[in-house]
mmCIF file of all heavy atoms, coordinates in Angstrom:
data_MODEL
# 
_entry.id   MODEL 
# 
loop_
_atom_site.group_PDB 
_atom_site.id 
_atom_site.type_symbol 
_atom_site.label_atom_id 
_atom_site.label_alt_id 
_atom_site.label_comp_id 
_atom_site.label_asym_id 
_atom_site.label_entity_id 
_atom_site.label_seq_id 
_atom_site.pdbx_PDB_ins_code 
_atom_site.Cartn_x 
_atom_site.Cartn_y 
_atom_site.Cartn_z 
_atom_site.occupancy 
_atom_site.B_iso_or_equiv 
_atom_site.pdbx_formal_charge 
_atom_site.auth_seq_id 
_atom_site.auth_comp_id 
_atom_site.auth_asym_id 
_atom_site.auth_atom_id 
_atom_site.pdbx_PDB_model_num 
ATOM 1   N N   . THR A 1 1  ? 20.423 140.481 75.345  1.00 0.00 ? 1  THR A N   1 
ATOM 2   C CA  . THR A 1 1  ? 19.879 141.702 75.928  1.00 0.00 ? 1  THR A CA  1 
ATOM 3   C C   . THR A 1 1  ? 21.029 142.689 76.104  1.00 0.00 ? 1  THR A C   1 
ATOM 4   O O   . THR A 1 1  ? 22.207 142.319 76.033  1.00 0.00 ? 1  THR A O   1 
ATOM 5   C CB  . THR A 1 1  ? 19.233 141.429 77.299  1.00 0.00 ? 1  THR A CB  1 
ATOM 6   O OG1 . THR A 1 1  ? 20.260 141.005 78.214  1.00 0.00 ? 1  THR A OG1 1 
ATOM 7   C CG2 . THR A 1 1  ? 18.134 140.379 77.209  1.00 0.00 ? 1  THR A CG2 1 
ATOM 8   N N   . LEU A 1 2  ? 20.711 143.921 76.348  1.00 0.00 ? 2  LEU A N   1 
ATOM 9   C CA  . LEU A 1 2  ? 21.737 144.928 76.583  1.00 0.00 ? 2  LEU A CA  1 
ATOM 10  C C   . LEU A 1 2  ? 22.597 144.525 77.780  1.00 0.00 ? 2  LEU A C   1 
ATOM 11  O O   . LEU A 1 2  ? 23.826 144.665 77.760  1.00 0.00 ? 2  LEU A O   1 
ATOM 12  C CB  . LEU A 1 2  ? 21.093 146.296 76.816  1.00 0.00 ? 2  LEU A CB  1 
ATOM 13  C CG  . LEU A 1 2  ? 22.037 147.471 77.009  1.00 0.00 ? 2  LEU A CG  1 
ATOM 14  C CD1 . LEU A 1 2  ? 22.967 147.619 75.816  1.00 0.00 ? 2  LEU A CD1 1 
ATOM 15  C CD2 . LEU A 1 2  ? 21.247 148.748 77.213  1.00 0.00 ? 2  LEU A CD2 1 
ATOM 16  N N   . GLU A 1 3  ? 21.973 143.978 78.808  1.00 0.00 ? 3  GLU A N   1 
ATOM 17  C CA  . GLU A 1 3  ? 22.713 143.543 79.990  1.00 0.00 ? 3  GLU A CA  1 
ATOM 18  C C   . GLU A 1 3  ? 23.669 142.400 79.650  1.00 0.00 ? 3  GLU A C   1 
ATOM 19  O O   . GLU A 1 3  ? 24.831 142.411 80.052  1.00 0.00 ? 3  GLU A O   1 
ATOM 20  C CB  . GLU A 1 3  ? 21.740 143.100 81.077  1.00 0.00 ? 3  GLU A CB  1 
ATOM 21  C CG  . GLU A 1 3  ? 22.424 142.673 82.364  1.00 0.00 ? 3  GLU A CG  1 
ATOM 22  C CD  . GLU A 1 3  ? 21.439 142.241 83.431  1.00 0.00 ? 3  GLU A CD  1 
ATOM 23  O OE1 . GLU A 1 3  ? 20.395 141.650 83.077  1.00 0.00 ? 3  GLU A OE1 1 
ATOM 24  O OE2 . GLU A 1 3  ? 21.728 142.490 84.603  1.00 0.00 ? 3  GLU A OE2 1 
ATOM 25  N N   . GLU A 1 4  ? 23.207 141.407 78.891  1.00 0.00 ? 4  GLU A N   1 
ATOM 26  C CA  . GLU A 1 4  ? 24.067 140.292 78.492  1.00 0.00 ? 4  GLU A CA  1 
ATOM 27  C C   . GLU A 1 4  ? 25.241 140.780 77.652  1.00 0.00 ? 4  GLU A C   1 
ATOM 28  O O   . GLU A 1 4  ? 26.380 140.343 77.842  1.00 0.00 ? 4  GLU A O   1 
ATOM 29  C CB  . GLU A 1 4  ? 23.263 139.255 77.707  1.00 0.00 ? 4  GLU A CB  1 
ATOM 30  C CG  . GLU A 1 4  ? 22.278 138.472 78.540  1.00 0.00 ? 4  GLU A CG  1 
ATOM 31  C CD  . GLU A 1 4  ? 21.317 137.645 77.694  1.00 0.00 ? 4  GLU A CD  1 
ATOM 32  O OE1 . GLU A 1 4  ? 21.055 138.000 76.518  1.00 0.00 ? 4  GLU A OE1 1 
ATOM 33  O OE2 . GLU A 1 4  ? 20.826 136.638 78.224  1.00 0.00 ? 4  GLU A OE2 1 
ATOM 34  N N   . ALA A 1 5  ? 24.970 141.682 76.727  1.00 0.00 ? 5  ALA A N   1 
ATOM 35  C CA  . ALA A 1 5  ? 26.027 142.230 75.880  1.00 0.00 ? 5  ALA A CA  1 
ATOM 36  C C   . ALA A 1 5  ? 27.066 142.982 76.717  1.00 0.00 ? 5  ALA A C   1 
ATOM 37  O O   . ALA A 1 5  ? 28.273 142.831 76.518  1.00 0.00 ? 5  ALA A O   1 
ATOM 38  C CB  . ALA A 1 5  ? 25.438 143.144 74.820  1.00 0.00 ? 5  ALA A CB  1 
ATOM 39  N N   . PHE A 1 6  ? 26.607 143.771 77.684  1.00 0.00 ? 6  PHE A N   1 
ATOM 40  C CA  . PHE A 1 6  ? 27.510 144.522 78.557  1.00 0.00 ? 6  PHE A CA  1 
ATOM 41  C C   . PHE A 1 6  ? 28.408 143.579 79.346  1.00 0.00 ? 6  PHE A C   1 
ATOM 42  O O   . PHE A 1 6  ? 29.618 143.757 79.407  1.00 0.00 ? 6  PHE A O   1 
ATOM 43  C CB  . PHE A 1 6  ? 26.713 145.414 79.513  1.00 0.00 ? 6  PHE A CB  1 
ATOM 44  C CG  . PHE A 1 6  ? 27.573 146.114 80.529  1.00 0.00 ? 6  PHE A CG  1 
ATOM 45  C CD1 . PHE A 1 6  ? 28.294 147.239 80.184  1.00 0.00 ? 6  PHE A CD1 1 
ATOM 46  C CD2 . PHE A 1 6  ? 27.662 145.624 81.827  1.00 0.00 ? 6  PHE A CD2 1 
ATOM 47  C CE1 . PHE A 1 6  ? 29.101 147.869 81.116  1.00 0.00 ? 6  PHE A CE1 1 
ATOM 48  C CE2 . PHE A 1 6  ? 28.462 146.260 82.761  1.00 0.00 ? 6  PHE A CE2 1 
ATOM 49  C CZ  . PHE A 1 6  ? 29.184 147.387 82.407  1.00 0.00 ? 6  PHE A CZ  1 
ATOM 50  N N   . PHE A 1 7  ? 27.810 142.548 79.957  1.00 0.00 ? 7  PHE A N   1 
ATOM 51  C CA  . PHE A 1 7  ? 28.607 141.616 80.747  1.00 0.00 ? 7  PHE A CA  1 
ATOM 52  C C   . PHE A 1 7  ? 29.572 140.820 79.878  1.00 0.00 ? 7  PHE A C   1 
ATOM 53  O O   . PHE A 1 7  ? 30.687 140.525 80.307  1.00 0.00 ? 7  PHE A O   1 
ATOM 54  C CB  . PHE A 1 7  ? 27.715 140.690 81.571  1.00 0.00 ? 7  PHE A CB  1 
ATOM 55  C CG  . PHE A 1 7  ? 27.117 141.362 82.782  1.00 0.00 ? 7  PHE A CG  1 
ATOM 56  C CD1 . PHE A 1 7  ? 25.757 141.331 82.991  1.00 0.00 ? 7  PHE A CD1 1 
ATOM 57  C CD2 . PHE A 1 7  ? 27.909 142.026 83.696  1.00 0.00 ? 7  PHE A CD2 1 
ATOM 58  C CE1 . PHE A 1 7  ? 25.198 141.954 84.094  1.00 0.00 ? 7  PHE A CE1 1 
ATOM 59  C CE2 . PHE A 1 7  ? 27.377 142.649 84.811  1.00 0.00 ? 7  PHE A CE2 1 
ATOM 60  C CZ  . PHE A 1 7  ? 26.015 142.614 85.008  1.00 0.00 ? 7  PHE A CZ  1 
ATOM 61  N N   . ASP A 1 8  ? 29.189 140.474 78.664  1.00 0.00 ? 8  ASP A N   1 
ATOM 62  C CA  . ASP A 1 8  ? 30.102 139.794 77.751  1.00 0.00 ? 8  ASP A CA  1 
ATOM 63  C C   . ASP A 1 8  ? 31.295 140.675 77.405  1.00 0.00 ? 8  ASP A C   1 
ATOM 64  O O   . ASP A 1 8  ? 32.431 140.213 77.335  1.00 0.00 ? 8  ASP A O   1 
ATOM 65  C CB  . ASP A 1 8  ? 29.392 139.370 76.467  1.00 0.00 ? 8  ASP A CB  1 
ATOM 66  C CG  . ASP A 1 8  ? 28.537 138.134 76.638  1.00 0.00 ? 8  ASP A CG  1 
ATOM 67  O OD1 . ASP A 1 8  ? 28.698 137.426 77.660  1.00 0.00 ? 8  ASP A OD1 1 
ATOM 68  O OD2 . ASP A 1 8  ? 27.709 137.876 75.748  1.00 0.00 ? 8  ASP A OD2 1 
ATOM 69  N N   . LEU A 1 9  ? 31.040 141.950 77.187  1.00 0.00 ? 9  LEU A N   1 
ATOM 70  C CA  . LEU A 1 9  ? 32.106 142.869 76.810  1.00 0.00 ? 9  LEU A CA  1 
ATOM 71  C C   . LEU A 1 9  ? 33.028 143.216 77.971  1.00 0.00 ? 9  LEU A C   1 
ATOM 72  O O   . LEU A 1 9  ? 34.206 143.524 77.773  1.00 0.00 ? 9  LEU A O   1 
ATOM 73  C CB  . LEU A 1 9  ? 31.512 144.161 76.235  1.00 0.00 ? 9  LEU A CB  1 
ATOM 74  C CG  . LEU A 1 9  ? 30.856 144.037 74.871  1.00 0.00 ? 9  LEU A CG  1 
ATOM 75  C CD1 . LEU A 1 9  ? 30.126 145.328 74.527  1.00 0.00 ? 9  LEU A CD1 1 
ATOM 76  C CD2 . LEU A 1 9  ? 31.887 143.713 73.802  1.00 0.00 ? 9  LEU A CD2 1 
ATOM 77  N N   . THR A 1 10 ? 32.513 143.183 79.192  1.00 0.00 ? 10 THR A N   1 
ATOM 78  C CA  . THR A 1 10 ? 33.293 143.650 80.343  1.00 0.00 ? 10 THR A CA  1 
ATOM 79  C C   . THR A 1 10 ? 33.689 142.539 81.308  1.00 0.00 ? 10 THR A C   1 
ATOM 80  O O   . THR A 1 10 ? 34.215 142.829 82.377  1.00 0.00 ? 10 THR A O   1 
ATOM 81  C CB  . THR A 1 10 ? 32.499 144.725 81.118  1.00 0.00 ? 10 THR A CB  1 
ATOM 82  O OG1 . THR A 1 10 ? 31.275 144.160 81.587  1.00 0.00 ? 10 THR A OG1 1 
ATOM 83  C CG2 . THR A 1 10 ? 32.224 145.934 80.253  1.00 0.00 ? 10 THR A CG2 1 
ATOM 84  N N   . ARG A 1 11 ? 33.485 141.286 80.949  1.00 0.00 ? 11 ARG A N   1 
ATOM 85  C CA  . ARG A 1 11 ? 33.730 140.190 81.906  1.00 0.00 ? 11 ARG A CA  1 
ATOM 86  C C   . ARG A 1 11 ? 35.175 140.144 82.391  1.00 0.00 ? 11 ARG A C   1 
ATOM 87  O O   . ARG A 1 11 ? 35.445 139.725 83.491  1.00 0.00 ? 11 ARG A O   1 
ATOM 88  C CB  . ARG A 1 11 ? 33.295 138.859 81.324  1.00 0.00 ? 11 ARG A CB  1 
ATOM 89  C CG  . ARG A 1 11 ? 34.364 138.104 80.543  1.00 0.00 ? 11 ARG A CG  1 
ATOM 90  C CD  . ARG A 1 11 ? 33.907 136.729 80.164  1.00 0.00 ? 11 ARG A CD  1 
ATOM 91  N NE  . ARG A 1 11 ? 32.647 136.846 79.471  1.00 0.00 ? 11 ARG A NE  1 
ATOM 92  C CZ  . ARG A 1 11 ? 32.359 136.331 78.307  1.00 0.00 ? 11 ARG A CZ  1 
ATOM 93  N NH1 . ARG A 1 11 ? 33.241 135.589 77.699  1.00 0.00 ? 11 ARG A NH1 1 
ATOM 94  N NH2 . ARG A 1 11 ? 31.207 136.520 77.725  1.00 0.00 ? 11 ARG A NH2 1 
ATOM 95  N N   . ASP A 1 12 ? 36.131 140.555 81.587  1.00 0.00 ? 12 ASP A N   1 
ATOM 96  C CA  . ASP A 1 12 ? 37.535 140.487 81.993  1.00 0.00 ? 12 ASP A CA  1 
ATOM 97  C C   . ASP A 1 12 ? 38.072 141.820 82.505  1.00 0.00 ? 12 ASP A C   1 
ATOM 98  O O   . ASP A 1 12 ? 39.262 141.924 82.801  1.00 0.00 ? 12 ASP A O   1 
ATOM 99  C CB  . ASP A 1 12 ? 38.392 140.014 80.812  1.00 0.00 ? 12 ASP A CB  1 
ATOM 100 C CG  . ASP A 1 12 ? 38.042 138.603 80.382  1.00 0.00 ? 12 ASP A CG  1 
ATOM 101 O OD1 . ASP A 1 12 ? 37.701 137.784 81.259  1.00 0.00 ? 12 ASP A OD1 1 
ATOM 102 O OD2 . ASP A 1 12 ? 38.093 138.323 79.175  1.00 0.00 ? 12 ASP A OD2 1 
ATOM 103 N N   . GLU A 1 13 ? 37.239 142.808 82.614  1.00 0.00 ? 13 GLU A N   1 
ATOM 104 C CA  . GLU A 1 13 ? 37.665 144.134 83.049  1.00 0.00 ? 13 GLU A CA  1 
ATOM 105 C C   . GLU A 1 13 ? 37.375 144.318 84.537  1.00 0.00 ? 13 GLU A C   1 
ATOM 106 O O   . GLU A 1 13 ? 36.265 144.109 84.992  1.00 0.00 ? 13 GLU A O   1 
ATOM 107 C CB  . GLU A 1 13 ? 36.919 145.218 82.269  1.00 0.00 ? 13 GLU A CB  1 
ATOM 108 C CG  . GLU A 1 13 ? 37.131 145.149 80.770  1.00 0.00 ? 13 GLU A CG  1 
ATOM 109 C CD  . GLU A 1 13 ? 38.567 145.365 80.356  1.00 0.00 ? 13 GLU A CD  1 
ATOM 110 O OE1 . GLU A 1 13 ? 39.265 146.198 80.963  1.00 0.00 ? 13 GLU A OE1 1 
ATOM 111 O OE2 . GLU A 1 13 ? 39.010 144.671 79.428  1.00 0.00 ? 13 GLU A OE2 1 
ATOM 112 N N   . THR A 1 14 ? 38.397 144.667 85.295  1.00 0.00 ? 14 THR A N   1 
ATOM 113 C CA  . THR A 1 14 ? 38.219 144.962 86.717  1.00 0.00 ? 14 THR A CA  1 
ATOM 114 C C   . THR A 1 14 ? 39.052 146.172 87.084  1.00 0.00 ? 14 THR A C   1 
ATOM 115 O O   . THR A 1 14 ? 40.143 146.388 86.562  1.00 0.00 ? 14 THR A O   1 
ATOM 116 C CB  . THR A 1 14 ? 38.634 143.778 87.612  1.00 0.00 ? 14 THR A CB  1 
ATOM 117 O OG1 . THR A 1 14 ? 39.993 143.457 87.333  1.00 0.00 ? 14 THR A OG1 1 
ATOM 118 C CG2 . THR A 1 14 ? 37.759 142.561 87.397  1.00 0.00 ? 14 THR A CG2 1 
ATOM 119 N N   . ASP A 1 15 ? 38.537 146.971 87.995  1.00 0.00 ? 15 ASP A N   1 
ATOM 120 C CA  . ASP A 1 15 ? 39.298 148.098 88.524  1.00 0.00 ? 15 ASP A CA  1 
ATOM 121 C C   . ASP A 1 15 ? 40.051 147.679 89.778  1.00 0.00 ? 15 ASP A C   1 
ATOM 122 O O   . ASP A 1 15 ? 41.130 148.172 90.065  1.00 0.00 ? 15 ASP A O   1 
ATOM 123 C CB  . ASP A 1 15 ? 38.372 149.270 88.852  1.00 0.00 ? 15 ASP A CB  1 
ATOM 124 C CG  . ASP A 1 15 ? 37.822 149.928 87.599  1.00 0.00 ? 15 ASP A CG  1 
ATOM 125 O OD1 . ASP A 1 15 ? 38.502 149.869 86.557  1.00 0.00 ? 15 ASP A OD1 1 
ATOM 126 O OD2 . ASP A 1 15 ? 36.722 150.488 87.653  1.00 0.00 ? 15 ASP A OD2 1 
ATOM 127 N N   . TYR A 1 16 ? 39.435 146.776 90.537  1.00 0.00 ? 16 TYR A N   1 
ATOM 128 C CA  . TYR A 1 16 ? 40.010 146.351 91.809  1.00 0.00 ? 16 TYR A CA  1 
ATOM 129 C C   . TYR A 1 16 ? 39.934 144.836 91.913  1.00 0.00 ? 16 TYR A C   1 
ATOM 130 O O   . TYR A 1 16 ? 39.002 144.225 91.430  1.00 0.00 ? 16 TYR A O   1 
ATOM 131 C CB  . TYR A 1 16 ? 39.246 146.968 92.981  1.00 0.00 ? 16 TYR A CB  1 
ATOM 132 C CG  . TYR A 1 16 ? 39.216 148.470 92.934  1.00 0.00 ? 16 TYR A CG  1 
ATOM 133 C CD1 . TYR A 1 16 ? 38.096 149.139 92.451  1.00 0.00 ? 16 TYR A CD1 1 
ATOM 134 C CD2 . TYR A 1 16 ? 40.304 149.213 93.349  1.00 0.00 ? 16 TYR A CD2 1 
ATOM 135 C CE1 . TYR A 1 16 ? 38.071 150.523 92.388  1.00 0.00 ? 16 TYR A CE1 1 
ATOM 136 C CE2 . TYR A 1 16 ? 40.287 150.593 93.281  1.00 0.00 ? 16 TYR A CE2 1 
ATOM 137 C CZ  . TYR A 1 16 ? 39.162 151.237 92.805  1.00 0.00 ? 16 TYR A CZ  1 
ATOM 138 O OH  . TYR A 1 16 ? 39.152 152.595 92.741  1.00 0.00 ? 16 TYR A OH  1 
ATOM 139 N N   . HIS A 1 17 ? 40.913 144.272 92.561  1.00 0.00 ? 17 HIS A N   1 
ATOM 140 C CA  . HIS A 1 17 ? 40.923 142.844 92.821  1.00 0.00 ? 17 HIS A CA  1 
ATOM 141 C C   . HIS A 1 17 ? 40.806 142.639 94.328  1.00 0.00 ? 17 HIS A C   1 
ATOM 142 O O   . HIS A 1 17 ? 41.277 143.461 95.121  1.00 0.00 ? 17 HIS A O   1 
ATOM 143 C CB  . HIS A 1 17 ? 42.213 142.203 92.307  1.00 0.00 ? 17 HIS A CB  1 
ATOM 144 C CG  . HIS A 1 17 ? 42.360 142.292 90.824  1.00 0.00 ? 17 HIS A CG  1 
ATOM 145 N ND1 . HIS A 1 17 ? 41.744 141.424 89.970  1.00 0.00 ? 17 HIS A ND1 1 
ATOM 146 C CD2 . HIS A 1 17 ? 43.040 143.174 90.039  1.00 0.00 ? 17 HIS A CD2 1 
ATOM 147 C CE1 . HIS A 1 17 ? 42.031 141.751 88.724  1.00 0.00 ? 17 HIS A CE1 1 
ATOM 148 N NE2 . HIS A 1 17 ? 42.820 142.812 88.737  1.00 0.00 ? 17 HIS A NE2 1 
ATOM 149 N N   . ALA A 1 18 ? 40.211 141.551 94.750  1.00 0.00 ? 18 ALA A N   1 
ATOM 150 C CA  . ALA A 1 18 ? 39.997 141.281 96.169  1.00 0.00 ? 18 ALA A CA  1 
ATOM 151 C C   . ALA A 1 18 ? 41.299 141.314 96.954  1.00 0.00 ? 18 ALA A C   1 
ATOM 152 O O   . ALA A 1 18 ? 41.358 141.817 98.070  1.00 0.00 ? 18 ALA A O   1 
ATOM 153 C CB  . ALA A 1 18 ? 39.291 139.947 96.347  1.00 0.00 ? 18 ALA A CB  1 
ATOM 154 N N   . ALA A 1 19 ? 42.372 140.789 96.392  1.00 0.00 ? 19 ALA A N   1 
ATOM 155 C CA  . ALA A 1 19 ? 43.660 140.780 97.090  1.00 0.00 ? 19 ALA A CA  1 
ATOM 156 C C   . ALA A 1 19 ? 44.157 142.193 97.349  1.00 0.00 ? 19 ALA A C   1 
ATOM 157 O O   . ALA A 1 19 ? 44.729 142.472 98.398  1.00 0.00 ? 19 ALA A O   1 
ATOM 158 C CB  . ALA A 1 19 ? 44.692 139.990 96.289  1.00 0.00 ? 19 ALA A CB  1 
ATOM 159 N N   . GLN A 1 20 ? 43.929 143.100 96.421  1.00 0.00 ? 20 GLN A N   1 
ATOM 160 C CA  . GLN A 1 20 ? 44.352 144.491 96.612  1.00 0.00 ? 20 GLN A CA  1 
ATOM 161 C C   . GLN A 1 20 ? 43.592 145.121 97.770  1.00 0.00 ? 20 GLN A C   1 
ATOM 162 O O   . GLN A 1 20 ? 44.150 145.836 98.571  1.00 0.00 ? 20 GLN A O   1 
ATOM 163 C CB  . GLN A 1 20 ? 44.105 145.305 95.351  1.00 0.00 ? 20 GLN A CB  1 
ATOM 164 C CG  . GLN A 1 20 ? 44.996 144.934 94.189  1.00 0.00 ? 20 GLN A CG  1 
ATOM 165 C CD  . GLN A 1 20 ? 44.592 145.670 92.920  1.00 0.00 ? 20 GLN A CD  1 
ATOM 166 O OE1 . GLN A 1 20 ? 43.424 145.971 92.720  1.00 0.00 ? 20 GLN A OE1 1 
ATOM 167 N NE2 . GLN A 1 20 ? 45.553 145.916 92.055  1.00 0.00 ? 20 GLN A NE2 1 
ATOM 168 N N   . LEU A 1 21 ? 42.298 144.859 97.854  1.00 0.00 ? 21 LEU A N   1 
ATOM 169 C CA  . LEU A 1 21 ? 41.483 145.460 98.900  1.00 0.00 ? 21 LEU A CA  1 
ATOM 170 C C   . LEU A 1 21 ? 41.757 144.824 100.257 1.00 0.00 ? 21 LEU A C   1 
ATOM 171 O O   . LEU A 1 21 ? 41.774 145.501 101.275 1.00 0.00 ? 21 LEU A O   1 
ATOM 172 C CB  . LEU A 1 21 ? 40.003 145.316 98.548  1.00 0.00 ? 21 LEU A CB  1 
ATOM 173 C CG  . LEU A 1 21 ? 39.555 146.065 97.275  1.00 0.00 ? 21 LEU A CG  1 
ATOM 174 C CD1 . LEU A 1 21 ? 38.101 145.758 96.992  1.00 0.00 ? 21 LEU A CD1 1 
ATOM 175 C CD2 . LEU A 1 21 ? 39.767 147.552 97.439  1.00 0.00 ? 21 LEU A CD2 1 
ATOM 176 N N   . ALA A 1 22 ? 42.011 143.525 100.286 1.00 0.00 ? 22 ALA A N   1 
ATOM 177 C CA  . ALA A 1 22 ? 42.256 142.829 101.549 1.00 0.00 ? 22 ALA A CA  1 
ATOM 178 C C   . ALA A 1 22 ? 43.542 143.316 102.205 1.00 0.00 ? 22 ALA A C   1 
ATOM 179 O O   . ALA A 1 22 ? 43.619 143.421 103.417 1.00 0.00 ? 22 ALA A O   1 
ATOM 180 C CB  . ALA A 1 22 ? 42.313 141.327 101.317 1.00 0.00 ? 22 ALA A CB  1 
ATOM 181 N N   . GLY A 1 23 ? 44.554 143.640 101.414 1.00 0.00 ? 23 GLY A N   1 
ATOM 182 C CA  . GLY A 1 23 ? 45.826 144.092 101.960 1.00 0.00 ? 23 GLY A CA  1 
ATOM 183 C C   . GLY A 1 23 ? 45.894 145.598 102.180 1.00 0.00 ? 23 GLY A C   1 
ATOM 184 O O   . GLY A 1 23 ? 46.858 146.118 102.679 1.00 0.00 ? 23 GLY A O   1 
ATOM 185 N N   . SER A 1 24 ? 44.831 146.294 101.866 1.00 0.00 ? 24 SER A N   1 
ATOM 186 C CA  . SER A 1 24 ? 44.817 147.748 101.973 1.00 0.00 ? 24 SER A CA  1 
ATOM 187 C C   . SER A 1 24 ? 44.608 148.182 103.416 1.00 0.00 ? 24 SER A C   1 
ATOM 188 O O   . SER A 1 24 ? 43.809 147.619 104.132 1.00 0.00 ? 24 SER A O   1 
ATOM 189 C CB  . SER A 1 24 ? 43.719 148.321 101.095 1.00 0.00 ? 24 SER A CB  1 
ATOM 190 O OG  . SER A 1 24 ? 43.639 149.706 101.281 1.00 0.00 ? 24 SER A OG  1 
ATOM 191 N N   . SER A 1 25 ? 45.346 149.182 103.849 1.00 0.00 ? 25 SER A N   1 
ATOM 192 C CA  . SER A 1 25 ? 45.148 149.716 105.208 1.00 0.00 ? 25 SER A CA  1 
ATOM 193 C C   . SER A 1 25 ? 44.511 151.104 105.153 1.00 0.00 ? 25 SER A C   1 
ATOM 194 O O   . SER A 1 25 ? 44.348 151.756 106.163 1.00 0.00 ? 25 SER A O   1 
ATOM 195 C CB  . SER A 1 25 ? 46.479 149.781 105.948 1.00 0.00 ? 25 SER A CB  1 
ATOM 196 O OG  . SER A 1 25 ? 47.368 150.639 105.242 1.00 0.00 ? 25 SER A OG  1 
# 
């Protein structure tokens, strides 16, 4: 499906990581 294709293409792409947000003030 279009959704499956999108998630396959973007699975390794992130703008933010949890560690970055947790340490943010």
